[in-house]
Amino acid sequence: MELHRHPQSAELFAELLNRPSPQINAPAVAKQWVLMPAPGDAHASASLREAIAQLCQTHGVAGPGTEKHHHVQLGSMELRWEQHTEFSSVVLIADHTTDAAALPTAWLAGIQHTLLTGALIQIHTPDTAPDGWLNGWPGAVGGQVMSQAGTIATTLRPNDSGLVDYRIINRDLDPARLGRLTQRLYEIETYRMLALLGLPLAKQTGQTLNELEQQLVELVERLGDTEDLSDDQQLLDELFGLAQASERLMANTDYRFSATQAYGRIVRDRLDEVNEQALDHRQPLGEFLERRFEPAMRTTANITRRQENLSARIARTVSLARTRVEVSLQTQHRTQLEAMAHRAQLQLRLQRTVEGLSVMAISYYTIGILAYLLGGWLPTDHVKWWISVTSPALLLGIWWLLKRWRKRLMEADEDAD
């Protein structure tokens, strides 16, 4: 019984195995170009693929298919093309009987890419290397690599073609190990420059961060000087605007800075893999990059931390300002409630005053009516006596009726609630 394979199993195996390192016999020469597509040009990648297909057709071999890589032998040369997320790498490898300048480059003229960097790697054995080929190279850095099986040197400066010269002397490396060493050297050059793309942006972002941080300091100082709710609301609006600017800055730089750190880690990994050791007075390549390259990586990492810290500080300040606004609102509401309670007490007092006056008025008119009624039946002296006797009872009765009526109204209102 055969188990069903995972639908992505073959793809994952191919991802690990479809880009093998080259195998190189010394002496040899390799040229590599790191090509960046034109920004916003959707046809840039297609133009490079078409150029590679035409070069392959010229040599009578198959061009690239739908994959994003292609390795093929063009006569005495090997062509290696790999398309990555934001760049493409093109490598030509030939034996050293071919002059480096003779490696074809005209086919690259029509592509919609720009050259970021590249490597011209010349490989010799101790027998074929010219005298002083490494030792007499002024300003070069390098050392022994691969357990002292080879020696490398480079100035890390581009030549007239925009490629950085690397030189290798192979002492005891088989073709597979020499191919891996060559690949690691041009990958160091590739990812070194790709990582440094974040440095100019980091410097620009640092200036913007200085401005945003200063604005935050000013807003924090104003936080304790606000006098009323409108000032607090204005301050909160300005803080929201500052938070928006900070988040926009992070969104615009996050990809570049994340890529810089990732590329920097690849450079460190490749340096560890070549296992470089110092040679005589020459400064090792790894030491040179540690002193010149690592500060740029730390700069971008520091800018990333500053952005995160600024965002956190703004969030804390917004929380404080919002709390202040809420406290101000609560204070304002309490003041309004107290004023409403005071007005309610005044209205209650006024109502009781009106009730007292109403009792007096109703009693006055009732007694007047009663006097008219009794006046037709009794003498005047008797009418006055009856009025004197009944007036207190009338007053109390009317007061009791009004009080009972108000109580019923209040009970009816509570039942309705």
Protein backbone atom coordinates (compact mmCIF):
# COMPACT_ATOMS: atom_id res chain seq x y z
CA MET A 1 0.00 0.00 0.00
CA GLU A 2 1.38 3.39 -1.01
CA LEU A 3 0.66 6.48 1.04
CA HIS A 4 -0.67 9.55 -0.69
CA ARG A 5 2.01 12.24 -0.93
CA HIS A 6 1.40 15.75 0.27
CA PRO A 7 0.46 17.97 -2.72
CA GLN A 8 3.42 20.29 -2.05
CA SER A 9 5.95 17.57 -1.32
CA ALA A 10 7.54 17.60 -4.79
CA GLU A 11 7.67 21.39 -4.83
CA LEU A 12 9.44 21.48 -1.46
CA PHE A 13 12.00 18.89 -2.54
CA ALA A 14 12.64 20.84 -5.73
CA GLU A 15 13.13 24.06 -3.76
CA LEU A 16 16.00 22.44 -1.87
CA LEU A 17 17.61 20.70 -4.82
CA ASN A 18 16.99 22.77 -7.95
CA ARG A 19 19.72 25.37 -7.39
CA PRO A 20 22.93 23.39 -6.92
CA SER A 21 26.25 25.20 -6.48
CA PRO A 22 28.52 25.29 -9.53
CA GLN A 23 31.50 23.00 -9.94
CA ILE A 24 34.59 24.90 -11.02
CA ASN A 25 38.06 23.76 -12.05
CA ALA A 26 40.89 26.23 -11.55
CA PRO A 27 41.99 28.30 -13.32
CA ALA A 28 38.63 29.89 -14.11
CA VAL A 29 36.80 33.21 -14.21
CA ALA A 30 33.27 34.12 -13.11
CA LYS A 31 31.23 37.23 -13.74
CA GLN A 32 28.13 38.04 -11.78
CA TRP A 33 25.63 40.88 -12.19
CA VAL A 34 23.07 41.88 -9.56
CA LEU A 35 20.23 43.48 -11.51
CA MET A 36 17.40 45.55 -10.04
CA PRO A 37 14.17 45.87 -12.07
CA ALA A 38 12.97 49.35 -12.93
CA PRO A 39 10.56 50.52 -10.19
CA GLY A 40 6.93 50.11 -11.15
CA ASP A 41 7.74 48.34 -14.45
CA ALA A 42 5.69 45.15 -14.60
CA HIS A 43 7.54 44.00 -17.76
CA ALA A 44 11.07 44.33 -16.37
CA SER A 45 11.36 40.69 -15.30
CA ALA A 46 9.98 39.56 -18.63
CA SER A 47 12.61 41.58 -20.50
CA LEU A 48 15.44 39.82 -18.64
CA ARG A 49 13.86 36.41 -19.21
CA GLU A 50 13.58 37.18 -22.93
CA ALA A 51 17.22 38.30 -23.09
CA ILE A 52 18.35 35.04 -21.45
CA ALA A 53 16.15 33.04 -23.82
CA GLN A 54 17.72 34.78 -26.84
CA LEU A 55 21.24 34.12 -25.50
CA CYS A 56 20.39 30.46 -25.01
CA GLN A 57 18.89 30.28 -28.50
CA THR A 58 22.08 31.76 -29.94
CA HIS A 59 24.04 28.86 -28.43
CA GLY A 60 21.47 26.27 -29.44
CA VAL A 61 20.25 25.34 -25.96
CA ALA A 62 16.90 25.55 -24.24
CA GLY A 63 15.93 28.82 -22.59
CA PRO A 64 14.24 29.30 -19.21
CA GLY A 65 10.77 27.93 -18.64
CA THR A 66 8.29 29.16 -16.11
CA GLU A 67 10.74 28.73 -13.21
CA LYS A 68 12.56 31.65 -11.70
CA HIS A 69 15.98 30.14 -12.25
CA HIS A 70 17.93 28.62 -15.12
CA HIS A 71 21.30 26.82 -15.23
CA VAL A 72 22.66 25.85 -18.62
CA GLN A 73 25.97 25.24 -20.41
CA LEU A 74 26.70 27.66 -23.27
CA GLY A 75 29.59 26.02 -25.04
CA SER A 76 32.61 26.49 -22.74
CA MET A 77 30.63 28.79 -20.42
CA GLU A 78 28.04 28.11 -17.77
CA LEU A 79 25.09 30.49 -17.38
CA ARG A 80 23.32 30.71 -14.03
CA TRP A 81 20.25 32.97 -13.63
CA GLU A 82 18.14 33.32 -10.49
CA GLN A 83 15.23 35.70 -9.97
CA HIS A 84 14.64 36.78 -6.37
CA THR A 85 12.01 38.96 -4.76
CA GLU A 86 13.61 42.32 -5.57
CA PHE A 87 16.61 41.46 -7.75
CA SER A 88 17.98 39.00 -10.27
CA SER A 89 21.42 37.41 -10.31
CA VAL A 90 23.14 36.46 -13.56
CA VAL A 91 26.43 34.53 -13.47
CA LEU A 92 28.74 33.46 -16.31
CA ILE A 93 31.52 30.97 -15.50
CA ALA A 94 34.29 29.99 -17.90
CA ASP A 95 37.74 28.44 -17.73
CA HIS A 96 40.62 30.86 -17.46
CA THR A 97 41.61 30.44 -21.09
CA THR A 98 38.71 32.80 -21.72
CA ASP A 99 39.60 36.39 -20.99
CA ALA A 100 37.26 37.95 -18.43
CA ALA A 101 36.61 40.86 -20.75
CA ALA A 102 35.51 38.42 -23.47
CA LEU A 103 32.56 37.09 -21.47
CA PRO A 104 29.51 38.37 -23.38
CA THR A 105 27.64 41.33 -21.92
CA ALA A 106 26.00 42.90 -24.99
CA TRP A 107 22.90 40.72 -24.52
CA LEU A 108 22.17 42.59 -21.26
CA ALA A 109 21.90 45.97 -22.99
CA GLY A 110 18.15 45.85 -23.68
CA ILE A 111 16.90 44.71 -20.29
CA GLN A 112 14.85 47.05 -18.11
CA HIS A 113 17.12 46.70 -15.09
CA THR A 114 19.85 48.67 -13.38
CA LEU A 115 23.13 47.26 -12.11
CA LEU A 116 23.37 47.39 -8.31
CA THR A 117 26.65 45.52 -8.00
CA GLY A 118 28.40 42.45 -9.26
CA ALA A 119 31.55 40.42 -8.94
CA LEU A 120 34.44 39.58 -11.24
CA ILE A 121 36.04 36.51 -9.65
CA GLN A 122 39.35 35.31 -11.08
CA ILE A 123 40.56 31.90 -9.88
CA HIS A 124 44.15 30.58 -10.10
CA THR A 125 46.23 27.79 -8.69
CA PRO A 126 49.61 28.54 -7.07
CA ASP A 127 51.26 27.45 -10.33
CA THR A 128 49.16 29.63 -12.66
CA ALA A 129 48.92 32.76 -10.48
CA PRO A 130 51.15 35.62 -11.65
CA ASP A 131 53.88 36.75 -9.27
CA GLY A 132 52.56 39.06 -6.59
CA TRP A 133 49.01 38.52 -7.84
CA LEU A 134 47.65 38.73 -4.30
CA ASN A 135 50.49 40.08 -2.18
CA GLY A 136 51.16 42.97 -4.53
CA TRP A 137 47.53 44.09 -4.65
CA PRO A 138 47.37 47.40 -2.75
CA GLY A 139 44.42 47.98 -0.46
CA ALA A 140 43.14 44.40 -0.76
CA VAL A 141 41.63 42.51 2.16
CA GLY A 142 41.28 38.77 2.55
CA GLY A 143 42.84 35.66 4.03
CA GLN A 144 42.96 31.91 3.99
CA VAL A 145 39.62 30.10 3.67
CA MET A 146 38.15 26.61 3.77
CA SER A 147 40.61 25.28 6.36
CA GLN A 148 43.52 26.97 4.54
CA ALA A 149 42.67 25.17 1.30
CA GLY A 150 42.38 28.49 -0.55
CA THR A 151 43.21 32.17 -0.35
CA ILE A 152 40.95 35.09 -1.25
CA ALA A 153 41.48 38.81 -1.72
CA THR A 154 39.38 41.79 -2.80
CA THR A 155 39.39 45.57 -2.59
CA LEU A 156 35.56 45.74 -2.41
CA ARG A 157 35.78 48.60 -4.90
CA PRO A 158 33.95 48.46 -8.23
CA ASN A 159 35.91 48.54 -11.47
CA ASP A 160 34.95 50.54 -14.56
CA SER A 161 32.19 48.02 -15.32
CA GLY A 162 30.65 48.34 -11.87
CA LEU A 163 31.87 44.90 -10.76
CA VAL A 164 33.98 44.24 -7.66
CA ASP A 165 37.20 42.28 -8.28
CA TYR A 166 37.75 39.12 -6.25
CA ARG A 167 40.75 36.85 -6.56
CA ILE A 168 41.09 33.24 -5.41
CA ILE A 169 44.13 30.97 -5.23
CA ASN A 170 43.03 27.37 -5.04
CA ARG A 171 45.42 25.11 -3.15
CA ASP A 172 43.44 22.05 -2.17
CA LEU A 173 39.79 22.59 -3.13
CA ASP A 174 37.97 20.08 -5.32
CA PRO A 175 35.63 21.48 -8.01
CA ALA A 176 32.55 21.24 -5.75
CA ARG A 177 34.15 23.10 -2.82
CA LEU A 178 35.71 25.66 -5.15
CA GLY A 179 32.30 26.23 -6.72
CA ARG A 180 30.72 26.74 -3.30
CA LEU A 181 33.49 29.17 -2.32
CA THR A 182 32.96 31.15 -5.52
CA GLN A 183 29.21 31.21 -4.97
CA ARG A 184 29.63 32.39 -1.39
CA LEU A 185 31.91 35.22 -2.46
CA TYR A 186 29.50 36.65 -5.00
CA GLU A 187 26.62 36.13 -2.57
CA ILE A 188 28.57 38.13 0.05
CA GLU A 189 28.94 40.91 -2.51
CA THR A 190 25.26 40.66 -3.49
CA TYR A 191 23.74 40.72 -0.04
CA ARG A 192 26.27 43.24 1.27
CA MET A 193 25.02 45.84 -1.21
CA LEU A 194 21.37 44.84 -0.84
CA ALA A 195 21.68 45.27 2.93
CA LEU A 196 23.28 48.69 2.47
CA LEU A 197 20.22 49.86 0.51
CA GLY A 198 18.60 50.50 3.86
CA LEU A 199 21.34 52.86 5.09
CA PRO A 200 20.34 56.02 3.14
CA LEU A 201 16.72 55.44 4.13
CA ALA A 202 17.80 54.97 7.75
CA LYS A 203 19.62 58.31 7.74
CA GLN A 204 16.61 60.07 6.22
CA THR A 205 14.25 58.34 8.64
CA GLY A 206 16.48 59.35 11.54
CA GLN A 207 15.98 63.02 10.69
CA THR A 208 12.23 62.54 10.49
CA LEU A 209 12.27 60.71 13.82
CA ASN A 210 14.13 63.62 15.40
CA GLU A 211 11.31 65.95 14.34
CA LEU A 212 8.56 63.61 15.53
CA GLU A 213 10.30 63.02 18.86
CA GLN A 214 10.66 66.77 19.38
CA GLN A 215 6.96 67.25 18.62
CA LEU A 216 6.13 64.55 21.16
CA VAL A 217 8.26 66.28 23.82
CA GLU A 218 6.43 69.55 23.20
CA LEU A 219 3.03 67.86 23.42
CA VAL A 220 3.98 66.12 26.67
CA GLU A 221 5.03 69.47 28.15
CA ARG A 222 1.67 70.96 27.13
CA LEU A 223 -0.16 68.03 28.70
CA GLY A 224 0.12 69.56 32.18
CA ASP A 225 -0.68 73.12 31.07
CA THR A 226 -4.12 72.62 29.55
CA GLU A 227 -6.83 74.65 31.25
CA ASP A 228 -10.11 73.31 29.95
CA LEU A 229 -11.66 70.48 28.00
CA SER A 230 -11.22 72.19 24.63
CA ASP A 231 -7.46 72.43 25.20
CA ASP A 232 -7.34 68.74 26.14
CA GLN A 233 -9.31 67.81 23.03
CA GLN A 234 -7.00 69.85 20.79
CA LEU A 235 -3.97 68.20 22.38
CA LEU A 236 -5.49 64.78 21.84
CA ASP A 237 -6.15 65.59 18.18
CA GLU A 238 -2.52 66.63 17.71
CA LEU A 239 -1.37 63.41 19.37
CA PHE A 240 -3.55 61.39 16.99
CA GLY A 241 -1.94 63.23 14.07
CA LEU A 242 1.51 62.46 15.46
CA ALA A 243 0.60 58.79 15.87
CA GLN A 244 -0.63 58.69 12.29
CA ALA A 245 2.65 60.18 11.03
CA SER A 246 4.64 57.65 13.09
CA GLU A 247 2.65 54.68 11.77
CA ARG A 248 2.93 55.95 8.21
CA LEU A 249 6.71 56.23 8.60
CA MET A 250 6.91 52.68 9.95
CA ALA A 251 4.77 51.36 7.11
CA ASN A 252 7.00 53.05 4.52
CA THR A 253 10.27 51.74 6.00
CA ASP A 254 9.40 48.40 7.58
CA TYR A 255 10.02 46.29 4.45
CA ARG A 256 13.36 47.91 3.66
CA PHE A 257 14.66 47.70 7.21
CA SER A 258 13.46 44.11 7.64
CA ALA A 259 15.15 43.19 4.35
CA THR A 260 18.34 44.93 5.49
CA GLN A 261 18.50 42.83 8.65
CA ALA A 262 17.75 39.64 6.70
CA TYR A 263 20.43 40.38 4.10
CA GLY A 264 22.88 41.26 6.87
CA ARG A 265 22.34 37.86 8.48
CA ILE A 266 22.99 36.16 5.13
CA VAL A 267 26.30 38.03 4.79
CA ARG A 268 27.35 36.90 8.28
CA ASP A 269 26.34 33.31 7.48
CA ARG A 270 28.38 33.30 4.26
CA LEU A 271 31.41 34.72 6.08
CA ASP A 272 31.13 31.97 8.68
CA GLU A 273 30.88 29.35 5.94
CA VAL A 274 34.12 30.35 4.21
CA ASN A 275 35.91 29.96 7.59
CA GLU A 276 38.37 32.78 6.91
CA GLN A 277 41.69 33.06 8.77
CA ALA A 278 44.17 35.93 8.78
CA LEU A 279 47.12 35.75 6.38
CA ASP A 280 50.33 37.66 7.18
CA HIS A 281 49.68 41.40 7.40
CA ARG A 282 46.51 41.45 5.32
CA GLN A 283 43.24 42.38 7.02
CA PRO A 284 40.67 39.56 6.73
CA LEU A 285 37.54 40.25 4.70
CA GLY A 286 35.32 39.35 7.66
CA GLU A 287 37.14 41.78 9.95
CA PHE A 288 36.89 44.55 7.36
CA LEU A 289 33.15 44.01 6.96
CA GLU A 290 32.67 43.81 10.71
CA ARG A 291 34.22 47.26 11.11
CA ARG A 292 32.64 48.88 8.03
CA PHE A 293 29.49 46.88 7.31
CA GLU A 294 28.17 46.08 10.79
CA PRO A 295 27.81 49.76 11.84
CA ALA A 296 25.39 50.24 8.93
CA MET A 297 23.38 47.22 10.09
CA ARG A 298 23.33 48.53 13.66
CA THR A 299 22.21 51.93 12.36
CA THR A 300 19.15 50.48 10.63
CA ALA A 301 18.42 48.27 13.66
CA ASN A 302 18.66 51.33 15.91
CA ILE A 303 16.28 53.29 13.68
CA THR A 304 13.81 50.39 13.83
CA ARG A 305 14.01 50.38 17.64
CA ARG A 306 13.56 54.15 17.73
CA GLN A 307 10.44 53.85 15.60
CA GLU A 308 9.02 51.18 17.91
CA ASN A 309 9.89 53.21 20.99
CA LEU A 310 8.35 56.35 19.51
CA SER A 311 5.16 54.48 18.69
CA ALA A 312 5.00 53.12 22.25
CA ARG A 313 5.67 56.56 23.76
CA ILE A 314 2.97 58.15 21.63
CA ALA A 315 0.53 55.42 22.70
CA ARG A 316 1.32 56.09 26.38
CA THR A 317 0.93 59.84 25.92
CA VAL A 318 -2.37 59.36 24.08
CA SER A 319 -3.55 57.16 26.95
CA LEU A 320 -2.62 59.87 29.46
CA ALA A 321 -4.31 62.59 27.40
CA ARG A 322 -7.41 60.46 26.97
CA THR A 323 -7.52 59.79 30.71
CA ARG A 324 -7.20 63.52 31.33
CA VAL A 325 -10.08 64.21 28.95
CA GLU A 326 -12.22 61.53 30.63
CA VAL A 327 -11.47 62.99 34.07
CA SER A 328 -12.32 66.46 32.78
CA LEU A 329 -15.58 65.16 31.33
CA GLN A 330 -16.45 63.43 34.58
CA THR A 331 -15.70 66.62 36.51
CA GLN A 332 -17.82 68.60 34.09
CA HIS A 333 -20.67 66.09 34.36
CA ARG A 334 -20.47 66.15 38.15
CA THR A 335 -20.62 69.95 38.12
CA GLN A 336 -23.63 69.85 35.81
CA LEU A 337 -25.36 67.27 38.00
CA GLU A 338 -24.70 69.36 41.08
CA ALA A 339 -26.14 72.40 39.33
CA MET A 340 -29.17 70.39 38.24
CA ALA A 341 -29.67 69.14 41.82
CA HIS A 342 -29.42 72.69 43.11
CA ARG A 343 -31.98 73.88 40.57
CA ALA A 344 -34.25 70.99 41.51
CA GLN A 345 -34.06 72.00 45.16
CA LEU A 346 -34.91 75.59 44.26
CA GLN A 347 -37.84 74.39 42.18
CA LEU A 348 -39.03 72.23 45.08
CA ARG A 349 -38.87 75.17 47.45
CA LEU A 350 -40.66 77.34 44.92
CA GLN A 351 -43.26 74.64 44.46
CA ARG A 352 -43.88 74.44 48.21
CA THR A 353 -44.11 78.23 48.35
CA VAL A 354 -46.65 78.15 45.51
CA GLU A 355 -48.57 75.41 47.30
CA GLY A 356 -48.77 77.56 50.43
CA LEU A 357 -49.96 80.52 48.40
CA SER A 358 -52.44 78.27 46.62
CA VAL A 359 -53.87 77.13 49.95
CA MET A 360 -54.26 80.74 51.02
CA ALA A 361 -55.83 81.79 47.72
CA ILE A 362 -58.26 78.88 47.55
CA SER A 363 -59.18 79.33 51.18
CA TYR A 364 -59.74 83.06 50.64
CA TYR A 365 -62.09 82.49 47.71
CA THR A 366 -63.86 79.61 49.48
CA ILE A 367 -64.46 81.71 52.59
CA GLY A 368 -65.70 84.57 50.38
CA ILE A 369 -68.19 82.29 48.65
CA LEU A 370 -69.27 80.85 51.98
CA ALA A 371 -69.84 84.39 53.33
CA TYR A 372 -72.05 85.23 50.34
CA LEU A 373 -74.04 82.06 50.87
CA LEU A 374 -74.54 82.60 54.57
CA GLY A 375 -75.25 86.31 54.12
CA GLY A 376 -78.62 85.60 52.55
CA TRP A 377 -79.77 83.48 55.52
CA LEU A 378 -78.14 84.82 58.60
CA PRO A 379 -77.51 88.22 60.11
CA THR A 380 -74.17 89.82 59.59
CA ASP A 381 -72.96 89.14 63.14
CA HIS A 382 -73.82 85.46 62.81
CA VAL A 383 -72.10 85.27 59.38
CA LYS A 384 -68.88 86.66 60.86
CA TRP A 385 -69.10 84.16 63.71
CA TRP A 386 -69.54 81.21 61.30
CA ILE A 387 -66.68 82.46 59.15
CA SER A 388 -64.39 82.74 62.19
CA VAL A 389 -65.27 79.24 63.32
CA THR A 390 -65.04 77.49 59.92
CA SER A 391 -61.99 79.31 58.49
CA PRO A 392 -59.35 77.18 60.31
CA ALA A 393 -61.14 74.00 59.30
CA LEU A 394 -61.34 75.17 55.69
CA LEU A 395 -57.64 76.04 55.66
CA LEU A 396 -56.64 72.66 57.05
CA GLY A 397 -59.00 70.83 54.76
CA ILE A 398 -57.80 72.57 51.61
CA TRP A 399 -54.15 72.04 52.66
CA TRP A 400 -54.80 68.32 53.25
CA LEU A 401 -56.58 67.92 49.90
CA LEU A 402 -53.74 69.61 47.97
CA LYS A 403 -51.14 67.51 49.76
CA ARG A 404 -53.04 64.29 49.06
CA TRP A 405 -53.48 65.24 45.41
CA ARG A 406 -49.72 65.95 45.01
CA LYS A 407 -48.91 62.61 46.68
CA ARG A 408 -51.18 60.74 44.25
CA LEU A 409 -49.55 62.48 41.30
CA MET A 410 -46.05 61.48 42.52
CA GLU A 411 -47.13 57.87 43.06
CA ALA A 412 -48.67 57.74 39.59
CA ASP A 413 -45.39 59.11 38.12
CA GLU A 414 -43.31 56.45 39.96
CA ASP A 415 -45.61 53.70 38.72
CA ALA A 416 -45.21 54.96 35.17
CA ASP A 417 -41.38 54.81 35.51
